[in-house]
Amino acid sequence: MHDNREAEFERFYRTEERRVLRLCYGVLGDSELARDAAQEAWLRYLRYIEGDRPEYSVPLLVTIALNAARDWQRRRRRRPEDLSGDLPEWAAPPGPEQDPDLLDAVQRLPQPEREAILLHYALDLPLIDVARVLQKRTGAVKSILHRGRAHLRSLLGAEEGISNGR
């Protein structure tokens, strides 16, 4: 019985470890800190689900990981401008989202917008799960995402204007 439980957790861990790392990196912008925060998140998650019949929950795991990353961010007390722009391969979202200008702009968003954007777009969580993780109503999450996308457009447009000499 105990071996079966370990195998179940191992499968869950292997399925979700990249998601946790990507979230921690998205919040912290530093690969070493992201690894530390992710490790702490998994330990917190294990402590939380202790019991005879744990149920593995992605929204719960993401909530714990987001809180761990926030804790590391508070401890660090560094500004996003001071962060390295190097995105480690394990943290990179698949596809066109690997644009370094976009990643830099996401790091400069206010915390609520950055977290909502990361959860919904980088981690591909449905709105209802983003709302659970952020402890907000779905409508509030939609508003935050709308503001975040508008803020990203203005940040990316300003950078494009500067780089094009405008």
N, C-alpha and C. Protein backbone atom coordinates (compact mmCIF):
# COMPACT_ATOMS: atom_id res chain seq x y z
N MET A 1 0.82 -1.20 0.00
CA MET A 1 0.00 0.00 0.00
C MET A 1 0.87 1.26 0.00
N HIS A 2 1.89 1.26 0.84
CA HIS A 2 2.78 2.41 0.94
C HIS A 2 3.52 2.65 -0.37
N ASP A 3 3.95 1.57 -1.05
CA ASP A 3 4.64 1.69 -2.33
C ASP A 3 3.74 2.31 -3.39
N ASN A 4 2.46 1.93 -3.38
CA ASN A 4 1.50 2.48 -4.34
C ASN A 4 1.34 3.99 -4.13
N ARG A 5 1.29 4.41 -2.89
CA ARG A 5 1.15 5.83 -2.58
C ARG A 5 2.38 6.62 -3.05
N GLU A 6 3.57 6.05 -2.85
CA GLU A 6 4.79 6.70 -3.32
C GLU A 6 4.81 6.79 -4.84
N ALA A 7 4.36 5.73 -5.50
CA ALA A 7 4.32 5.74 -6.97
C ALA A 7 3.33 6.79 -7.48
N GLU A 8 2.19 6.92 -6.81
CA GLU A 8 1.21 7.94 -7.20
C GLU A 8 1.79 9.33 -7.05
N PHE A 9 2.46 9.57 -5.92
CA PHE A 9 3.06 10.89 -5.72
C PHE A 9 4.16 11.14 -6.75
N GLU A 10 4.96 10.13 -7.04
CA GLU A 10 6.04 10.27 -8.02
C GLU A 10 5.48 10.68 -9.39
N ARG A 11 4.39 10.05 -9.80
CA ARG A 11 3.74 10.40 -11.07
C ARG A 11 3.24 11.85 -11.05
N PHE A 12 2.60 12.24 -9.94
CA PHE A 12 2.10 13.61 -9.80
C PHE A 12 3.27 14.60 -9.85
N TYR A 13 4.33 14.29 -9.13
CA TYR A 13 5.50 15.16 -9.11
C TYR A 13 6.09 15.32 -10.50
N ARG A 14 6.28 14.22 -11.20
CA ARG A 14 6.87 14.27 -12.55
C ARG A 14 5.98 15.07 -13.50
N THR A 15 4.69 14.96 -13.34
CA THR A 15 3.76 15.68 -14.20
C THR A 15 3.77 17.18 -13.93
N GLU A 16 3.94 17.57 -12.67
CA GLU A 16 3.76 18.97 -12.27
C GLU A 16 5.04 19.72 -11.91
N GLU A 17 6.19 19.05 -11.88
CA GLU A 17 7.41 19.72 -11.42
C GLU A 17 7.79 20.92 -12.29
N ARG A 18 7.64 20.80 -13.61
CA ARG A 18 7.98 21.92 -14.51
C ARG A 18 7.03 23.10 -14.29
N ARG A 19 5.76 22.79 -14.04
CA ARG A 19 4.78 23.86 -13.80
C ARG A 19 5.18 24.66 -12.57
N VAL A 20 5.56 23.96 -11.50
CA VAL A 20 5.97 24.64 -10.27
C VAL A 20 7.22 25.47 -10.51
N LEU A 21 8.21 24.91 -11.20
CA LEU A 21 9.44 25.65 -11.49
C LEU A 21 9.17 26.88 -12.35
N ARG A 22 8.32 26.73 -13.37
CA ARG A 22 7.99 27.86 -14.24
C ARG A 22 7.31 28.97 -13.46
N LEU A 23 6.40 28.60 -12.57
CA LEU A 23 5.71 29.60 -11.77
C LEU A 23 6.71 30.33 -10.86
N CYS A 24 7.54 29.57 -10.17
CA CYS A 24 8.52 30.19 -9.27
C CYS A 24 9.48 31.08 -10.05
N TYR A 25 9.91 30.64 -11.22
CA TYR A 25 10.79 31.49 -12.02
C TYR A 25 10.05 32.74 -12.49
N GLY A 26 8.80 32.58 -12.89
CA GLY A 26 8.02 33.73 -13.35
C GLY A 26 7.86 34.79 -12.27
N VAL A 27 7.74 34.36 -11.02
CA VAL A 27 7.59 35.30 -9.91
C VAL A 27 8.94 35.90 -9.53
N LEU A 28 9.98 35.06 -9.49
CA LEU A 28 11.27 35.49 -8.97
C LEU A 28 12.26 35.99 -10.03
N GLY A 29 12.17 35.44 -11.24
CA GLY A 29 13.08 35.86 -12.30
C GLY A 29 14.52 35.41 -12.11
N ASP A 30 14.77 34.49 -11.22
CA ASP A 30 16.12 34.01 -10.92
C ASP A 30 16.04 32.48 -10.81
N SER A 31 16.83 31.78 -11.61
CA SER A 31 16.71 30.32 -11.67
C SER A 31 17.10 29.64 -10.37
N GLU A 32 18.12 30.12 -9.69
CA GLU A 32 18.54 29.49 -8.43
C GLU A 32 17.47 29.69 -7.35
N LEU A 33 16.97 30.92 -7.23
CA LEU A 33 15.91 31.18 -6.26
C LEU A 33 14.66 30.39 -6.61
N ALA A 34 14.37 30.27 -7.90
CA ALA A 34 13.19 29.51 -8.33
C ALA A 34 13.31 28.05 -7.91
N ARG A 35 14.49 27.48 -8.07
CA ARG A 35 14.68 26.08 -7.64
C ARG A 35 14.46 25.93 -6.14
N ASP A 36 15.02 26.87 -5.37
CA ASP A 36 14.84 26.83 -3.92
C ASP A 36 13.37 26.98 -3.53
N ALA A 37 12.69 27.93 -4.16
CA ALA A 37 11.27 28.16 -3.86
C ALA A 37 10.43 26.95 -4.25
N ALA A 38 10.75 26.34 -5.40
CA ALA A 38 10.01 25.16 -5.85
C ALA A 38 10.22 24.00 -4.88
N GLN A 39 11.44 23.82 -4.43
CA GLN A 39 11.71 22.74 -3.47
C GLN A 39 10.93 22.98 -2.18
N GLU A 40 10.93 24.22 -1.72
CA GLU A 40 10.16 24.55 -0.52
C GLU A 40 8.67 24.31 -0.74
N ALA A 41 8.18 24.65 -1.93
CA ALA A 41 6.76 24.45 -2.24
C ALA A 41 6.40 22.97 -2.18
N TRP A 42 7.24 22.12 -2.74
CA TRP A 42 6.95 20.67 -2.70
C TRP A 42 6.96 20.15 -1.27
N LEU A 43 7.87 20.64 -0.44
CA LEU A 43 7.89 20.22 0.97
C LEU A 43 6.63 20.67 1.69
N ARG A 44 6.22 21.91 1.44
CA ARG A 44 4.99 22.42 2.05
C ARG A 44 3.79 21.59 1.59
N TYR A 45 3.77 21.27 0.29
CA TYR A 45 2.66 20.50 -0.26
C TYR A 45 2.60 19.12 0.39
N LEU A 46 3.74 18.47 0.52
CA LEU A 46 3.77 17.14 1.16
C LEU A 46 3.26 17.21 2.59
N ARG A 47 3.67 18.23 3.33
CA ARG A 47 3.18 18.37 4.70
C ARG A 47 1.67 18.60 4.72
N TYR A 48 1.18 19.35 3.75
CA TYR A 48 -0.24 19.67 3.71
C TYR A 48 -1.09 18.43 3.41
N ILE A 49 -0.62 17.57 2.54
CA ILE A 49 -1.44 16.43 2.13
C ILE A 49 -1.20 15.18 2.96
N GLU A 50 -0.39 15.28 4.02
CA GLU A 50 -0.16 14.11 4.86
C GLU A 50 -1.49 13.52 5.30
N GLY A 51 -1.52 12.22 5.33
CA GLY A 51 -2.73 11.51 5.74
C GLY A 51 -2.82 10.18 5.03
N ASP A 52 -3.86 9.46 5.32
CA ASP A 52 -4.02 8.12 4.75
C ASP A 52 -4.37 8.13 3.27
N ARG A 53 -5.18 9.10 2.83
CA ARG A 53 -5.63 9.13 1.44
C ARG A 53 -5.48 10.53 0.86
N PRO A 54 -4.26 10.89 0.51
CA PRO A 54 -4.08 12.24 -0.06
C PRO A 54 -4.71 12.35 -1.44
N GLU A 55 -5.25 13.51 -1.72
CA GLU A 55 -5.76 13.80 -3.06
C GLU A 55 -4.84 14.83 -3.67
N TYR A 56 -4.31 14.52 -4.83
CA TYR A 56 -3.38 15.42 -5.49
C TYR A 56 -4.17 16.46 -6.28
N SER A 57 -3.91 17.72 -5.96
CA SER A 57 -4.67 18.82 -6.54
C SER A 57 -3.72 19.85 -7.15
N VAL A 58 -3.87 20.10 -8.44
CA VAL A 58 -3.04 21.11 -9.11
C VAL A 58 -3.31 22.50 -8.56
N PRO A 59 -4.58 22.94 -8.40
CA PRO A 59 -4.79 24.28 -7.84
C PRO A 59 -4.17 24.46 -6.44
N LEU A 60 -4.25 23.43 -5.60
CA LEU A 60 -3.65 23.52 -4.28
C LEU A 60 -2.13 23.61 -4.41
N LEU A 61 -1.54 22.78 -5.24
CA LEU A 61 -0.09 22.81 -5.45
C LEU A 61 0.36 24.18 -5.97
N VAL A 62 -0.36 24.73 -6.93
CA VAL A 62 0.01 26.02 -7.51
C VAL A 62 -0.14 27.13 -6.46
N THR A 63 -1.16 27.05 -5.63
CA THR A 63 -1.34 28.03 -4.56
C THR A 63 -0.15 27.99 -3.60
N ILE A 64 0.24 26.80 -3.21
CA ILE A 64 1.37 26.64 -2.29
C ILE A 64 2.66 27.14 -2.95
N ALA A 65 2.85 26.81 -4.22
CA ALA A 65 4.05 27.24 -4.94
C ALA A 65 4.09 28.77 -5.08
N LEU A 66 2.95 29.37 -5.38
CA LEU A 66 2.89 30.83 -5.50
C LEU A 66 3.23 31.49 -4.17
N ASN A 67 2.71 30.95 -3.08
CA ASN A 67 3.01 31.51 -1.76
C ASN A 67 4.48 31.33 -1.41
N ALA A 68 5.06 30.19 -1.76
CA ALA A 68 6.49 29.97 -1.50
C ALA A 68 7.32 30.97 -2.29
N ALA A 69 6.98 31.18 -3.56
CA ALA A 69 7.72 32.14 -4.39
C ALA A 69 7.57 33.56 -3.84
N ARG A 70 6.37 33.91 -3.39
CA ARG A 70 6.16 35.23 -2.79
C ARG A 70 7.04 35.40 -1.54
N ASP A 71 7.11 34.35 -0.73
CA ASP A 71 7.95 34.42 0.47
C ASP A 71 9.42 34.64 0.10
N TRP A 72 9.90 33.93 -0.91
CA TRP A 72 11.28 34.11 -1.36
C TRP A 72 11.49 35.51 -1.92
N GLN A 73 10.49 36.01 -2.61
CA GLN A 73 10.59 37.36 -3.18
C GLN A 73 10.70 38.40 -2.06
N ARG A 74 9.91 38.24 -1.03
CA ARG A 74 9.97 39.18 0.10
C ARG A 74 11.33 39.11 0.79
N ARG A 75 11.87 37.91 0.92
CA ARG A 75 13.18 37.76 1.57
C ARG A 75 14.29 38.41 0.75
N ARG A 76 14.17 38.34 -0.55
CA ARG A 76 15.22 38.81 -1.43
C ARG A 76 15.32 40.33 -1.48
N ARG A 77 14.16 41.00 -1.51
CA ARG A 77 14.11 42.45 -1.54
C ARG A 77 14.90 43.08 -2.69
N ARG A 78 14.79 42.48 -3.87
CA ARG A 78 15.45 43.04 -5.05
C ARG A 78 14.39 43.49 -6.04
N ARG A 79 14.74 44.46 -6.83
CA ARG A 79 13.82 44.96 -7.86
C ARG A 79 13.91 44.08 -9.10
N PRO A 80 12.81 43.98 -9.89
CA PRO A 80 12.85 43.19 -11.12
C PRO A 80 13.93 43.64 -12.09
N GLU A 81 14.29 44.92 -12.09
CA GLU A 81 15.31 45.40 -13.02
C GLU A 81 16.67 44.77 -12.72
N ASP A 82 16.87 44.31 -11.48
CA ASP A 82 18.15 43.72 -11.09
C ASP A 82 18.26 42.25 -11.47
N LEU A 83 17.20 41.68 -12.01
CA LEU A 83 17.18 40.25 -12.26
C LEU A 83 17.86 39.90 -13.58
N SER A 84 18.40 38.71 -13.61
CA SER A 84 19.03 38.21 -14.83
C SER A 84 17.95 37.92 -15.86
N GLY A 85 18.24 38.23 -17.12
CA GLY A 85 17.28 37.96 -18.19
C GLY A 85 17.40 36.56 -18.76
N ASP A 86 18.32 35.76 -18.24
CA ASP A 86 18.51 34.40 -18.75
C ASP A 86 17.41 33.49 -18.24
N LEU A 87 16.65 32.94 -19.16
CA LEU A 87 15.58 32.03 -18.80
C LEU A 87 16.08 30.60 -18.96
N PRO A 88 16.16 29.85 -17.87
CA PRO A 88 16.60 28.47 -18.00
C PRO A 88 15.61 27.64 -18.81
N GLU A 89 16.12 26.63 -19.48
CA GLU A 89 15.29 25.81 -20.37
C GLU A 89 14.09 25.20 -19.64
N TRP A 90 14.28 24.75 -18.39
CA TRP A 90 13.20 24.10 -17.67
C TRP A 90 12.07 25.06 -17.34
N ALA A 91 12.35 26.35 -17.29
CA ALA A 91 11.33 27.32 -16.93
C ALA A 91 10.63 27.92 -18.14
N ALA A 92 11.19 27.69 -19.31
CA ALA A 92 10.66 28.33 -20.51
C ALA A 92 9.32 27.73 -20.91
N PRO A 93 8.32 28.56 -21.10
CA PRO A 93 7.07 28.04 -21.64
C PRO A 93 7.28 27.64 -23.10
N PRO A 94 6.56 26.66 -23.57
CA PRO A 94 6.74 26.24 -24.95
C PRO A 94 6.23 27.30 -25.94
N GLY A 95 6.83 27.33 -27.10
CA GLY A 95 6.32 28.16 -28.18
C GLY A 95 6.82 29.58 -28.17
N PRO A 96 6.03 30.49 -28.77
CA PRO A 96 6.47 31.87 -28.99
C PRO A 96 6.60 32.68 -27.70
N GLU A 97 6.11 32.15 -26.57
CA GLU A 97 6.19 32.90 -25.32
C GLU A 97 7.62 33.04 -24.82
N GLN A 98 8.60 32.44 -25.51
CA GLN A 98 9.99 32.50 -25.07
C GLN A 98 10.65 33.83 -25.46
N ASP A 99 9.91 34.76 -25.94
CA ASP A 99 10.41 36.07 -26.33
C ASP A 99 10.98 36.78 -25.09
N PRO A 100 12.29 37.10 -25.10
CA PRO A 100 12.89 37.72 -23.91
C PRO A 100 12.29 39.09 -23.57
N ASP A 101 11.86 39.85 -24.58
CA ASP A 101 11.23 41.14 -24.31
C ASP A 101 9.91 40.96 -23.57
N LEU A 102 9.15 39.95 -23.97
CA LEU A 102 7.88 39.65 -23.29
C LEU A 102 8.14 39.22 -21.86
N LEU A 103 9.12 38.34 -21.67
CA LEU A 103 9.43 37.87 -20.31
C LEU A 103 9.88 39.02 -19.42
N ASP A 104 10.67 39.93 -19.96
CA ASP A 104 11.11 41.09 -19.20
C ASP A 104 9.91 41.97 -18.85
N ALA A 105 9.01 42.16 -19.80
CA ALA A 105 7.82 42.99 -19.55
C ALA A 105 6.93 42.36 -18.49
N VAL A 106 6.78 41.04 -18.53
CA VAL A 106 5.97 40.35 -17.51
C VAL A 106 6.58 40.58 -16.13
N GLN A 107 7.90 40.52 -16.02
CA GLN A 107 8.57 40.75 -14.74
C GLN A 107 8.31 42.16 -14.20
N ARG A 108 8.04 43.12 -15.09
CA ARG A 108 7.82 44.51 -14.66
C ARG A 108 6.36 44.81 -14.33
N LEU A 109 5.47 43.87 -14.56
CA LEU A 109 4.05 44.09 -14.22
C LEU A 109 3.87 44.16 -12.71
N PRO A 110 2.84 44.87 -12.25
CA PRO A 110 2.51 44.81 -10.83
C PRO A 110 2.20 43.35 -10.43
N GLN A 111 2.47 43.02 -9.19
CA GLN A 111 2.35 41.63 -8.73
C GLN A 111 1.03 40.95 -9.09
N PRO A 112 -0.14 41.56 -8.85
CA PRO A 112 -1.39 40.85 -9.17
C PRO A 112 -1.52 40.52 -10.66
N GLU A 113 -1.12 41.47 -11.50
CA GLU A 113 -1.20 41.25 -12.95
C GLU A 113 -0.19 40.18 -13.38
N ARG A 114 1.03 40.26 -12.87
CA ARG A 114 2.07 39.29 -13.21
C ARG A 114 1.64 37.88 -12.82
N GLU A 115 1.11 37.73 -11.61
CA GLU A 115 0.71 36.41 -11.15
C GLU A 115 -0.45 35.85 -11.98
N ALA A 116 -1.43 36.68 -12.27
CA ALA A 116 -2.57 36.21 -13.07
C ALA A 116 -2.12 35.81 -14.47
N ILE A 117 -1.27 36.62 -15.09
CA ILE A 117 -0.75 36.32 -16.43
C ILE A 117 0.03 35.01 -16.40
N LEU A 118 0.90 34.85 -15.42
CA LEU A 118 1.70 33.62 -15.31
C LEU A 118 0.81 32.39 -15.13
N LEU A 119 -0.15 32.50 -14.22
CA LEU A 119 -1.00 31.35 -13.94
C LEU A 119 -1.84 30.96 -15.15
N HIS A 120 -2.43 31.96 -15.80
CA HIS A 120 -3.35 31.66 -16.90
C HIS A 120 -2.63 31.33 -18.20
N TYR A 121 -1.63 32.11 -18.56
CA TYR A 121 -0.99 31.92 -19.86
C TYR A 121 0.24 31.03 -19.80
N ALA A 122 1.14 31.25 -18.86
CA ALA A 122 2.35 30.43 -18.81
C ALA A 122 2.07 29.03 -18.28
N LEU A 123 1.17 28.92 -17.29
CA LEU A 123 0.86 27.61 -16.72
C LEU A 123 -0.39 26.99 -17.31
N ASP A 124 -1.10 27.74 -18.15
CA ASP A 124 -2.27 27.24 -18.84
C ASP A 124 -3.38 26.78 -17.89
N LEU A 125 -3.53 27.48 -16.77
CA LEU A 125 -4.60 27.15 -15.83
C LEU A 125 -5.90 27.81 -16.30
N PRO A 126 -7.01 27.10 -16.18
CA PRO A 126 -8.30 27.72 -16.51
C PRO A 126 -8.62 28.85 -15.52
N LEU A 127 -9.48 29.77 -15.95
CA LEU A 127 -9.82 30.93 -15.12
C LEU A 127 -10.30 30.53 -13.73
N ILE A 128 -11.09 29.48 -13.65
CA ILE A 128 -11.63 29.09 -12.34
C ILE A 128 -10.50 28.67 -11.39
N ASP A 129 -9.47 28.01 -11.91
CA ASP A 129 -8.34 27.62 -11.07
C ASP A 129 -7.47 28.82 -10.71
N VAL A 130 -7.31 29.76 -11.64
CA VAL A 130 -6.58 30.99 -11.34
C VAL A 130 -7.31 31.74 -10.21
N ALA A 131 -8.63 31.79 -10.29
CA ALA A 131 -9.42 32.45 -9.26
C ALA A 131 -9.23 31.76 -7.91
N ARG A 132 -9.21 30.43 -7.90
CA ARG A 132 -8.98 29.71 -6.63
C ARG A 132 -7.61 30.03 -6.05
N VAL A 133 -6.60 29.98 -6.90
CA VAL A 133 -5.23 30.21 -6.44
C VAL A 133 -5.08 31.62 -5.88
N LEU A 134 -5.63 32.60 -6.60
CA LEU A 134 -5.49 34.00 -6.18
C LEU A 134 -6.55 34.42 -5.16
N GLN A 135 -7.47 33.51 -4.85
CA GLN A 135 -8.56 33.75 -3.90
C GLN A 135 -9.37 34.98 -4.30
N LYS A 136 -9.79 34.95 -5.57
CA LYS A 136 -10.59 36.04 -6.12
C LYS A 136 -11.75 35.42 -6.92
N ARG A 137 -12.72 36.23 -7.22
CA ARG A 137 -13.81 35.78 -8.09
C ARG A 137 -13.31 35.73 -9.53
N THR A 138 -13.96 34.91 -10.33
CA THR A 138 -13.56 34.76 -11.73
C THR A 138 -13.63 36.10 -12.46
N GLY A 139 -14.65 36.88 -12.19
CA GLY A 139 -14.77 38.20 -12.83
C GLY A 139 -13.61 39.11 -12.48
N ALA A 140 -13.15 39.05 -11.24
CA ALA A 140 -12.00 39.86 -10.82
C ALA A 140 -10.74 39.41 -11.56
N VAL A 141 -10.60 38.10 -11.74
CA VAL A 141 -9.44 37.58 -12.47
C VAL A 141 -9.47 38.05 -13.92
N LYS A 142 -10.66 38.05 -14.52
CA LYS A 142 -10.78 38.54 -15.89
C LYS A 142 -10.35 40.00 -15.99
N SER A 143 -10.73 40.81 -15.00
CA SER A 143 -10.33 42.22 -14.98
C SER A 143 -8.83 42.37 -14.82
N ILE A 144 -8.25 41.59 -13.93
CA ILE A 144 -6.81 41.66 -13.71
C ILE A 144 -6.07 41.24 -14.99
N LEU A 145 -6.54 40.19 -15.64
CA LEU A 145 -5.91 39.75 -16.89
C LEU A 145 -6.04 40.82 -17.97
N HIS A 146 -7.20 41.46 -18.04
CA HIS A 146 -7.40 42.53 -19.02
C HIS A 146 -6.41 43.67 -18.78
N ARG A 147 -6.30 44.10 -17.51
CA ARG A 147 -5.35 45.17 -17.19
C ARG A 147 -3.91 44.72 -17.46
N GLY A 148 -3.60 43.47 -17.14
CA GLY A 148 -2.26 42.95 -17.37
C GLY A 148 -1.90 42.92 -18.84
N ARG A 149 -2.85 42.48 -19.69
CA ARG A 149 -2.59 42.47 -21.13
C ARG A 149 -2.41 43.88 -21.66
N ALA A 150 -3.24 44.83 -21.19
CA ALA A 150 -3.11 46.22 -21.62
C ALA A 150 -1.76 46.80 -21.17
N HIS A 151 -1.38 46.48 -19.95
CA HIS A 151 -0.11 46.95 -19.42
C HIS A 151 1.05 46.36 -20.24
N LEU A 152 0.95 45.07 -20.58
CA LEU A 152 1.99 44.45 -21.41
C LEU A 152 2.08 45.11 -22.77
N ARG A 153 0.91 45.38 -23.38
CA ARG A 153 0.92 46.06 -24.69
C ARG A 153 1.63 47.39 -24.60
N SER A 154 1.35 48.15 -23.54
CA SER A 154 2.00 49.46 -23.42
C SER A 154 3.50 49.31 -23.17
N LEU A 155 3.89 48.36 -22.34
CA LEU A 155 5.32 48.14 -22.09
C LEU A 155 6.04 47.69 -23.36
N LEU A 156 5.45 46.75 -24.07
CA LEU A 156 6.08 46.24 -25.29
C LEU A 156 6.05 47.28 -26.40
N GLY A 157 4.99 48.05 -26.47
CA GLY A 157 4.92 49.11 -27.48
C GLY A 157 5.94 50.20 -27.20
N ALA A 158 6.14 50.55 -25.94
CA ALA A 158 7.12 51.58 -25.58
C ALA A 158 8.53 51.09 -25.93
N GLU A 159 8.81 49.82 -25.65
CA GLU A 159 10.13 49.27 -25.98
C GLU A 159 10.34 49.23 -27.49
N GLU A 160 9.29 48.86 -28.23
CA GLU A 160 9.41 48.80 -29.68
C GLU A 160 9.66 50.18 -30.25
N GLY A 161 8.96 51.19 -29.68
CA GLY A 161 9.16 52.57 -30.14
C GLY A 161 10.57 53.05 -29.88
N ILE A 162 11.13 52.66 -28.75
CA ILE A 162 12.50 53.06 -28.43
C ILE A 162 13.48 52.37 -29.35
N SER A 163 13.28 51.06 -29.57
CA SER A 163 14.24 50.32 -30.39
C SER A 163 14.13 50.69 -31.87
N ASN A 164 12.98 51.22 -32.31
CA ASN A 164 12.82 51.64 -33.69
C ASN A 164 13.16 53.12 -33.89
N GLY A 165 13.64 53.77 -32.84
CA GLY A 165 14.04 55.16 -32.95
C GLY A 165 12.88 56.14 -32.86
N ARG A 166 11.69 55.72 -32.47
CA ARG A 166 10.54 56.62 -32.35
C ARG A 166 10.46 57.25 -31.01
